[in-house]
C-alpha cells in the first residue's frame, strides 16, 4: 500500500495513504499553518513498487534554482547560463573503462529523467568527463559555465555521483553556473535488504542504479538466509523449501526471514550476478546468513 508522510525536525505532521491497488494522483498533504523547521523530510513508502515523482511543490519553501541532494560539502550556484540543448554531447578525457561506463550512465539518466539524447561529441559545447585519483577516491567535482560542463571523480563511483549531481542541476531545461566539490561524510553508507525473489531481481537492479547510487550508498547488506542454494550443504536448501511450504499452508509459523529469495531458492549464479551488478556501481555486498 502506497503512503506518504511528512516529518519536520523529526516529528510527523501529516500522512496520506492510497487505497489498495491505487496510485497517488493530484493528492494534497496538508501541514498545519505556522509550522517552522530547519529540516523537512518527505517519506514515501512504495511497498516495493517503483516510485516516480513527477513534481512536488511546497508553498513557502520554493527554490528558484535547482535543488541538489545530498547537499554538497561546497557549492557555489549562480544563474542559468545555457540551455541543456546547447550542449552538443559528451567528451571523455580518455576512453578508460570507468569513464566510458560513467558516460553511458549519463546518457541513460538524461534520457530517463529529461528525455534528452546525448552522445559523444567532437566539437561545440559539451559535458566533459574525467577521472583523477589525485582528488581522492570518494571526491567529485562539478563545474558548469558558459564554456560547458566538467564532471570529475576520483573513482568510477564518485564520477557516477558527479553525473547524478549534473542531472539535478537541470531545471526547466536550463543549466546553472556552479562549482561543486563534495565527498560523503561517512566512510560506510549501507542499506539492508532481503535477497529478492527471482522475479524481483530487475526491480532490485533499478533500485541500485536509480536510487542507491544517487544517495551515495557504498555497502549493500544482503540478507540471504536460506534463499540461495548451498551446494556444499544441500540439507539447508531442502529444509528451507520444506519449512516454507508448510508455513505457507499454515502448518508451521512463518520463518523470520522466510521471504528471502521469495521463499524459494536462487541459484548461486543469480546471486553472483546481483553482487557484480552492484559492484559495477561502486557498491560492495556484505552477505548476512543466520547461523543459529
Protein backbone atom coordinates (compact mmCIF):
# COMPACT_ATOMS: atom_id res chain seq x y z
CA UNK A 1 0.00 0.00 0.00
CA UNK A 2 1.44 3.38 -1.04
CA UNK A 3 1.77 6.09 1.59
CA UNK A 4 3.46 9.46 2.01
CA UNK A 5 4.25 11.19 5.28
CA UNK A 6 5.94 14.45 6.24
CA UNK A 7 8.23 14.95 9.23
CA UNK A 8 9.53 18.33 10.36
CA UNK A 9 12.58 18.24 12.60
CA UNK A 10 11.84 14.54 13.14
CA UNK A 11 8.20 14.98 14.18
CA UNK A 12 5.34 13.66 11.99
CA UNK A 13 2.90 16.37 10.89
CA UNK A 14 0.88 14.70 8.13
CA UNK A 15 0.30 11.47 6.23
CA UNK A 16 -1.77 10.21 3.30
CA UNK A 17 -2.31 6.61 2.22
CA UNK A 18 -3.55 5.39 -1.16
CA UNK A 19 -6.31 2.82 -1.38
CA UNK A 20 -5.20 -0.76 -2.16
CA UNK A 21 -4.26 -1.03 -5.82
CA UNK A 22 -4.45 2.74 -6.44
CA UNK A 23 -1.79 5.39 -7.03
CA UNK A 24 -1.41 8.96 -5.80
CA UNK A 25 -2.51 11.50 -8.38
CA UNK A 26 -3.11 15.16 -7.60
CA UNK A 27 -3.09 14.49 -3.85
CA UNK A 28 -2.58 17.25 -1.30
CA UNK A 29 -0.89 16.55 2.00
CA UNK A 30 -1.87 19.39 4.33
CA UNK A 31 0.51 20.64 7.03
CA UNK A 32 -0.81 22.84 9.89
CA UNK A 33 -0.28 26.57 9.45
CA UNK A 34 2.63 28.03 11.39
CA UNK A 35 4.97 25.04 11.22
CA UNK A 36 8.59 26.18 11.16
CA UNK A 37 11.51 23.83 10.77
CA UNK A 38 15.14 23.52 9.82
CA UNK A 39 14.57 20.17 8.18
CA UNK A 40 11.62 18.67 6.32
CA UNK A 41 11.51 15.00 5.34
CA UNK A 42 9.00 13.59 2.86
CA UNK A 43 8.92 9.84 3.43
CA UNK A 44 7.48 7.66 0.64
CA UNK A 45 6.60 4.02 1.22
CA UNK A 46 6.07 2.21 -2.07
CA UNK A 47 5.67 -1.28 -0.63
CA UNK A 48 8.37 -2.46 -3.09
CA UNK A 49 6.59 -0.84 -6.05
CA UNK A 50 8.59 1.53 -8.31
CA UNK A 51 8.09 5.20 -7.31
CA UNK A 52 8.15 8.01 -9.88
CA UNK A 53 7.86 11.62 -8.64
CA UNK A 54 6.71 13.88 -11.48
CA UNK A 55 6.54 17.05 -9.38
CA UNK A 56 6.42 18.24 -5.79
CA UNK A 57 5.55 21.70 -4.55
CA UNK A 58 5.99 23.04 -1.01
CA UNK A 59 4.44 26.53 -0.85
CA UNK A 60 6.58 28.85 1.25
CA UNK A 61 9.68 26.79 0.54
CA UNK A 62 10.17 27.23 -3.21
CA UNK A 63 13.67 27.23 -4.63
CA UNK A 64 14.18 29.37 -7.73
CA UNK A 65 17.16 27.36 -8.90
CA UNK A 66 17.85 23.62 -8.97
CA UNK A 67 17.91 21.59 -5.76
CA UNK A 68 20.86 19.24 -5.24
CA UNK A 69 20.59 16.31 -2.85
CA UNK A 70 22.54 15.11 -0.96
CA UNK A 71 23.61 18.67 -0.19
CA UNK A 72 27.25 19.11 -1.36
CA UNK A 73 30.00 19.98 1.08
CA UNK A 74 30.99 23.01 -1.05
CA UNK A 75 28.69 24.55 -3.64
CA UNK A 76 28.56 27.89 -5.41
CA UNK A 77 25.41 28.25 -7.50
CA UNK A 78 24.83 31.09 -9.97
CA UNK A 79 22.30 31.98 -12.64
CA UNK A 80 21.20 29.92 -15.62
CA UNK A 81 23.96 30.16 -18.23
CA UNK A 82 22.71 27.91 -21.01
CA UNK A 83 20.07 25.50 -22.15
CA UNK A 84 20.79 21.81 -21.78
CA UNK A 85 20.07 21.60 -25.51
CA UNK A 86 23.08 23.90 -26.13
CA UNK A 87 25.38 21.05 -25.15
CA UNK A 88 26.26 19.05 -28.22
CA UNK A 89 27.36 15.90 -26.47
CA UNK A 90 29.76 14.16 -24.10
CA UNK A 91 33.55 14.14 -24.34
CA UNK A 92 35.92 11.86 -22.44
CA UNK A 93 39.36 12.68 -21.08
CA UNK A 94 40.31 9.17 -22.14
CA UNK A 95 38.42 6.04 -23.09
CA UNK A 96 39.06 4.12 -19.89
CA UNK A 97 36.54 1.51 -18.79
CA UNK A 98 35.39 3.62 -15.83
CA UNK A 99 34.91 6.84 -17.80
CA UNK A 100 33.08 5.06 -20.62
CA UNK A 101 30.79 3.44 -18.02
CA UNK A 102 30.05 6.85 -16.47
CA UNK A 103 29.39 8.39 -19.90
CA UNK A 104 26.90 5.62 -20.69
CA UNK A 105 25.21 6.21 -17.31
CA UNK A 106 24.99 9.96 -18.01
CA UNK A 107 23.44 9.36 -21.42
CA UNK A 108 20.87 6.96 -19.95
CA UNK A 109 19.98 9.21 -17.00
CA UNK A 110 19.46 12.24 -19.25
CA UNK A 111 17.14 10.21 -21.44
CA UNK A 112 15.20 8.75 -18.49
CA UNK A 113 14.90 11.92 -16.43
CA UNK A 114 14.77 14.66 -19.06
CA UNK A 115 14.05 12.85 -22.33
CA UNK A 116 17.29 14.23 -23.80
CA UNK A 117 19.56 12.22 -26.08
CA UNK A 118 23.25 12.97 -25.70
CA UNK A 119 26.16 11.07 -27.20
CA UNK A 120 29.90 11.62 -27.54
CA UNK A 121 30.80 14.85 -29.37
CA UNK A 122 33.79 16.25 -31.22
CA UNK A 123 33.14 20.00 -31.18
CA UNK A 124 30.96 22.72 -29.63
CA UNK A 125 29.81 22.99 -26.01
CA UNK A 126 29.90 19.67 -24.23
CA UNK A 127 29.94 17.75 -20.95
CA UNK A 128 33.50 16.64 -20.29
CA UNK A 129 34.12 13.57 -18.09
CA UNK A 130 37.42 13.00 -16.33
CA UNK A 131 38.79 10.67 -13.66
CA UNK A 132 41.65 11.82 -11.45
CA UNK A 133 42.66 9.68 -8.48
CA UNK A 134 44.65 12.58 -7.02
CA UNK A 135 41.49 14.34 -5.77
CA UNK A 136 40.58 11.35 -3.55
CA UNK A 137 38.70 8.12 -4.18
CA UNK A 138 35.34 9.41 -2.92
CA UNK A 139 35.66 13.03 -4.06
CA UNK A 140 33.94 14.52 -7.09
CA UNK A 141 33.68 17.92 -8.74
CA UNK A 142 31.12 19.54 -11.00
CA UNK A 143 31.84 22.81 -12.82
CA UNK A 144 29.38 24.48 -15.18
CA UNK A 145 30.00 27.74 -17.03
CA UNK A 146 29.24 29.33 -20.40
CA UNK A 147 32.10 27.22 -21.75
CA UNK A 148 30.37 23.93 -20.92
CA UNK A 149 30.41 21.42 -18.08
CA UNK A 150 33.17 19.34 -16.49
CA UNK A 151 32.49 16.31 -14.29
CA UNK A 152 35.39 14.79 -12.38
CA UNK A 153 35.67 11.93 -9.91
CA UNK A 154 38.44 10.16 -8.07
CA UNK A 155 36.97 6.75 -8.93
CA UNK A 156 34.20 5.25 -11.00
CA UNK A 157 31.75 5.55 -8.10
CA UNK A 158 32.48 9.22 -7.39
CA UNK A 159 32.32 10.05 -11.11
CA UNK A 160 28.84 8.50 -11.13
CA UNK A 161 27.93 10.79 -8.20
CA UNK A 162 29.09 13.75 -10.31
CA UNK A 163 26.81 12.51 -13.09
CA UNK A 164 23.83 12.28 -10.73
CA UNK A 165 24.55 15.80 -9.46
CA UNK A 166 24.77 17.17 -13.00
CA UNK A 167 21.33 15.75 -13.87
CA UNK A 168 19.87 17.52 -10.81
CA UNK A 169 21.38 20.83 -11.94
CA UNK A 170 18.98 20.98 -14.90
CA UNK A 171 15.76 22.88 -14.18
CA UNK A 172 13.18 23.80 -16.81
CA UNK A 173 15.73 22.91 -19.46
CA UNK A 174 18.31 25.34 -18.06
CA UNK A 175 21.79 24.64 -16.73
CA UNK A 176 23.02 26.81 -13.87
CA UNK A 177 26.55 28.08 -13.38
CA UNK A 178 28.07 26.26 -10.44
CA UNK A 179 31.20 24.96 -8.78
CA UNK A 180 30.75 21.90 -6.59
CA UNK A 181 33.26 19.93 -4.55
CA UNK A 182 31.90 17.10 -2.49
CA UNK A 183 32.52 13.77 -0.82
CA UNK A 184 30.40 11.61 1.50
CA UNK A 185 30.97 12.42 5.17
CA UNK A 186 30.68 8.78 6.36
CA UNK A 187 33.01 6.01 5.18
CA UNK A 188 30.34 3.29 5.45
CA UNK A 189 26.93 4.05 3.94
CA UNK A 190 24.91 0.87 3.88
CA UNK A 191 21.40 -0.31 3.22
CA UNK A 192 19.99 -3.63 4.44
CA UNK A 193 17.78 -5.58 2.03
CA UNK A 194 16.48 -9.13 1.74
CA UNK A 195 17.58 -11.37 -1.10
CA UNK A 196 14.93 -10.77 -3.77
CA UNK A 197 12.70 -13.32 -5.41
CA UNK A 198 13.74 -14.26 -8.93
CA UNK A 199 11.05 -12.06 -10.50
CA UNK A 200 12.12 -9.11 -8.31
CA UNK A 201 15.75 -9.05 -9.48
CA UNK A 202 15.12 -6.47 -12.28
CA UNK A 203 13.49 -4.15 -9.73
CA UNK A 204 16.39 -4.57 -7.30
CA UNK A 205 18.80 -3.63 -10.08
CA UNK A 206 16.79 -0.48 -10.79
CA UNK A 207 16.86 0.28 -7.07
CA UNK A 208 20.65 0.05 -7.05
CA UNK A 209 21.14 2.09 -10.22
CA UNK A 210 18.48 4.75 -9.78
CA UNK A 211 18.40 5.29 -6.01
CA UNK A 212 21.36 3.85 -4.12
CA UNK A 213 23.91 5.42 -6.48
CA UNK A 214 22.33 8.88 -6.30
CA UNK A 215 22.23 8.67 -2.47
CA UNK A 216 25.95 7.70 -2.33
CA UNK A 217 25.49 4.27 -0.74
CA UNK A 218 28.57 2.06 -0.92
CA UNK A 219 27.52 -1.03 1.08
CA UNK A 220 24.69 -3.49 0.44
CA UNK A 221 23.89 -5.72 3.42
CA UNK A 222 22.22 -8.64 1.67
CA UNK A 223 20.20 -10.94 3.93
CA UNK A 224 20.45 -14.34 2.24
CA UNK A 225 19.11 -16.66 4.97
CA UNK A 226 18.28 -19.91 3.13
CA UNK A 227 17.21 -18.20 -0.10
CA UNK A 228 20.36 -19.18 -2.03
CA UNK A 229 21.29 -22.75 -2.89
CA UNK A 230 24.06 -24.06 -0.61
CA UNK A 231 25.78 -26.58 -2.85
CA UNK A 232 28.07 -27.91 -0.13
CA UNK A 233 25.15 -28.28 2.30
CA UNK A 234 22.08 -29.37 0.31
CA UNK A 235 20.28 -30.20 3.57
CA UNK A 236 19.95 -26.45 4.26
CA UNK A 237 18.21 -25.87 0.93
CA UNK A 238 15.96 -28.89 1.38
CA UNK A 239 14.88 -27.82 4.87
CA UNK A 240 14.34 -24.22 3.71
CA UNK A 241 11.97 -25.29 0.94
CA UNK A 242 10.03 -27.77 3.08
CA UNK A 243 9.58 -25.42 6.05
CA UNK A 244 8.45 -22.54 3.80
CA UNK A 245 5.97 -24.81 2.01
CA UNK A 246 4.47 -25.97 5.33
CA UNK A 247 4.41 -22.38 6.66
CA UNK A 248 2.52 -21.24 3.56
CA UNK A 249 -0.06 -23.95 4.24
CA UNK A 250 -0.44 -22.76 7.83
CA UNK A 251 1.09 -25.91 9.29
CA UNK A 252 4.08 -24.03 10.78
CA UNK A 253 4.79 -20.44 11.84
CA UNK A 254 6.34 -18.21 9.19
CA UNK A 255 10.14 -18.10 9.22
CA UNK A 256 11.54 -14.72 10.39
CA UNK A 257 13.25 -14.20 7.02
CA UNK A 258 11.21 -16.67 5.03
CA UNK A 259 10.64 -14.19 2.20
CA UNK A 260 14.35 -14.16 1.27
CA UNK A 261 14.61 -15.42 -2.27
CA UNK A 262 10.82 -15.14 -2.44
CA UNK A 263 10.58 -18.09 -0.07
CA UNK A 264 12.18 -20.22 -2.75
CA UNK A 265 15.82 -20.69 -3.77
CA UNK A 266 18.04 -18.65 -6.09
CA UNK A 267 21.00 -20.26 -7.77
CA UNK A 268 24.45 -19.01 -6.82
CA UNK A 269 24.95 -17.65 -10.34
CA UNK A 270 21.89 -15.41 -9.93
CA UNK A 271 23.15 -14.04 -6.62
CA UNK A 272 26.62 -13.56 -8.06
CA UNK A 273 25.13 -11.57 -10.95
CA UNK A 274 23.33 -9.26 -8.50
CA UNK A 275 26.52 -8.76 -6.46
CA UNK A 276 28.54 -7.99 -9.61
CA UNK A 277 25.89 -5.54 -10.79
CA UNK A 278 26.10 -3.63 -7.50
CA UNK A 279 29.91 -3.64 -7.68
CA UNK A 280 29.77 -2.01 -11.13
CA UNK A 281 28.14 0.98 -9.46
CA UNK A 282 30.67 1.15 -6.62
CA UNK A 283 28.59 -0.80 -4.08
CA UNK A 284 30.12 -3.74 -2.22
CA UNK A 285 27.92 -6.52 -0.86
CA UNK A 286 28.17 -7.94 2.65
CA UNK A 287 26.17 -11.20 2.92
CA UNK A 288 24.13 -11.95 6.02
CA UNK A 289 23.36 -15.58 6.81
CA UNK A 290 21.63 -16.61 10.04
CA UNK A 291 23.63 -19.31 11.80
CA UNK A 292 21.61 -20.02 14.95
